[in-house]
C-alpha atoms as a PDB file:
ATOM      1  CA  UNK A   1     -23.413 -33.986 -15.068  1.00  0.00           C
ATOM      2  CA  UNK A   2     -24.384 -31.252 -17.502  1.00  0.00           C
ATOM      3  CA  UNK A   3     -26.492 -28.265 -16.551  1.00  0.00           C
ATOM      4  CA  UNK A   4     -29.338 -29.509 -18.745  1.00  0.00           C
ATOM      5  CA  UNK A   5     -29.283 -32.933 -17.035  1.00  0.00           C
ATOM      6  CA  UNK A   6     -29.393 -31.248 -13.624  1.00  0.00           C
ATOM      7  CA  UNK A   7     -32.355 -29.129 -14.721  1.00  0.00           C
ATOM      8  CA  UNK A   8     -34.249 -32.152 -16.034  1.00  0.00           C
ATOM      9  CA  UNK A   9     -33.553 -34.175 -12.869  1.00  0.00           C
ATOM     10  CA  UNK A  10     -34.683 -31.276 -10.692  1.00  0.00           C
ATOM     11  CA  UNK A  11     -37.879 -30.746 -12.684  1.00  0.00           C
ATOM     12  CA  UNK A  12     -38.658 -34.445 -12.388  1.00  0.00           C
ATOM     13  CA  UNK A  13     -38.163 -34.299  -8.623  1.00  0.00           C
ATOM     14  CA  UNK A  14     -40.297 -31.157  -8.313  1.00  0.00           C
ATOM     15  CA  UNK A  15     -43.122 -32.751 -10.305  1.00  0.00           C
ATOM     16  CA  UNK A  16     -43.272 -35.566  -7.741  1.00  0.00           C
ATOM     17  CA  UNK A  17     -43.617 -33.193  -4.769  1.00  0.00           C
ATOM     18  CA  UNK A  18     -46.704 -31.495  -3.333  1.00  0.00           C
ATOM     19  CA  UNK A  19     -47.214 -27.832  -4.211  1.00  0.00           C
ATOM     20  CA  UNK A  20     -45.887 -26.432  -0.922  1.00  0.00           C
ATOM     21  CA  UNK A  21     -42.638 -28.418  -1.227  1.00  0.00           C
ATOM     22  CA  UNK A  22     -42.222 -27.379  -4.861  1.00  0.00           C
ATOM     23  CA  UNK A  23     -42.670 -23.752  -3.811  1.00  0.00           C
ATOM     24  CA  UNK A  24     -39.993 -24.206  -1.141  1.00  0.00           C
ATOM     25  CA  UNK A  25     -37.573 -25.410  -3.828  1.00  0.00           C
ATOM     26  CA  UNK A  26     -38.461 -22.409  -5.971  1.00  0.00           C
ATOM     27  CA  UNK A  27     -37.816 -20.069  -3.039  1.00  0.00           C
ATOM     28  CA  UNK A  28     -34.469 -21.742  -2.391  1.00  0.00           C
ATOM     29  CA  UNK A  29     -33.495 -21.427  -6.057  1.00  0.00           C
ATOM     30  CA  UNK A  30     -34.332 -17.702  -5.920  1.00  0.00           C
ATOM     31  CA  UNK A  31     -32.206 -17.353  -2.781  1.00  0.00           C
ATOM     32  CA  UNK A  32     -29.220 -19.086  -4.397  1.00  0.00           C
ATOM     33  CA  UNK A  33     -29.571 -16.992  -7.575  1.00  0.00           C
ATOM     34  CA  UNK A  34     -29.702 -13.716  -5.644  1.00  0.00           C
ATOM     35  CA  UNK A  35     -26.715 -14.709  -3.528  1.00  0.00           C
ATOM     36  CA  UNK A  36     -24.761 -15.569  -6.678  1.00  0.00           C
ATOM     37  CA  UNK A  37     -25.651 -12.202  -8.231  1.00  0.00           C
ATOM     38  CA  UNK A  38     -24.491 -10.393  -5.084  1.00  0.00           C
ATOM     39  CA  UNK A  39     -21.189 -12.290  -5.138  1.00  0.00           C
ATOM     40  CA  UNK A  40     -20.658 -11.367  -8.792  1.00  0.00           C
ATOM     41  CA  UNK A  41     -21.404  -7.728  -8.019  1.00  0.00           C
ATOM     42  CA  UNK A  42     -18.956  -7.698  -5.104  1.00  0.00           C
ATOM     43  CA  UNK A  43     -16.237  -9.296  -7.231  1.00  0.00           C
ATOM     44  CA  UNK A  44     -16.775  -6.628  -9.875  1.00  0.00           C
ATOM     45  CA  UNK A  45     -16.531  -3.852  -7.302  1.00  0.00           C
ATOM     46  CA  UNK A  46     -13.357  -5.365  -5.839  1.00  0.00           C
ATOM     47  CA  UNK A  47     -11.830  -5.612  -9.297  1.00  0.00           C
ATOM     48  CA  UNK A  48     -12.692  -2.003 -10.106  1.00  0.00           C
ATOM     49  CA  UNK A  49     -11.222  -0.690  -6.886  1.00  0.00           C
ATOM     50  CA  UNK A  50      -8.085  -2.818  -7.183  1.00  0.00           C
ATOM     51  CA  UNK A  51      -7.389  -1.870 -10.803  1.00  0.00           C
ATOM     52  CA  UNK A  52      -8.634   1.703 -10.675  1.00  0.00           C
ATOM     53  CA  UNK A  53      -6.764   4.768  -9.583  1.00  0.00           C
ATOM     54  CA  UNK A  54      -9.535   6.279  -7.493  1.00  0.00           C
ATOM     55  CA  UNK A  55      -7.853   5.498  -4.180  1.00  0.00           C
ATOM     56  CA  UNK A  56      -4.271   6.255  -5.246  1.00  0.00           C
ATOM     57  CA  UNK A  57      -4.303   9.366  -3.073  1.00  0.00           C
ATOM     58  CA  UNK A  58      -4.274   7.101  -0.025  1.00  0.00           C
ATOM     59  CA  UNK A  59      -0.844   5.707  -0.897  1.00  0.00           C
ATOM     60  CA  UNK A  60       0.694   9.032  -1.797  1.00  0.00           C
ATOM     61  CA  UNK A  61       1.674  10.407   1.598  1.00  0.00           C
ATOM     62  CA  UNK A  62       2.661  14.011   1.464  1.00  0.00           C
ATOM     63  CA  UNK A  63       4.976  15.360   4.158  1.00  0.00           C
ATOM     64  CA  UNK A  64       2.816  17.803   6.068  1.00  0.00           C
ATOM     65  CA  UNK A  65       5.381  18.643   8.728  1.00  0.00           C
ATOM     66  CA  UNK A  66       9.166  18.766   8.921  1.00  0.00           C
ATOM     67  CA  UNK A  67      11.556  19.060  11.833  1.00  0.00           C
ATOM     68  CA  UNK A  68      11.594  22.798  11.248  1.00  0.00           C
ATOM     69  CA  UNK A  69       7.934  22.884  12.308  1.00  0.00           C
ATOM     70  CA  UNK A  70       8.782  21.618  15.811  1.00  0.00           C
ATOM     71  CA  UNK A  71       8.457  24.141  18.600  1.00  0.00           C
ATOM     72  CA  UNK A  72      10.110  21.943  21.193  1.00  0.00           C
ATOM     73  CA  UNK A  73      12.529  19.081  20.628  1.00  0.00           C
ATOM     74  CA  UNK A  74      12.076  15.979  22.745  1.00  0.00           C
ATOM     75  CA  UNK A  75      15.283  14.098  23.565  1.00  0.00           C
ATOM     76  CA  UNK A  76      13.631  11.279  25.513  1.00  0.00           C
END
């Protein structure tokens, strides 16, 4: 079914409902739209962080200490 056919079928159904039920459908449509927008935003953020180099410093471990820094050697 095409998007236009879905829209027409939904409008026809809404026209047959009382005002309070039609408003409930409108509220639900707003909820679904906002949830979709949030998902798109999160996917964009994930893509940016995965492809970007902002967090590269987390994978580049620098050796802060060597064995020469030890004051006491533990031979377990």
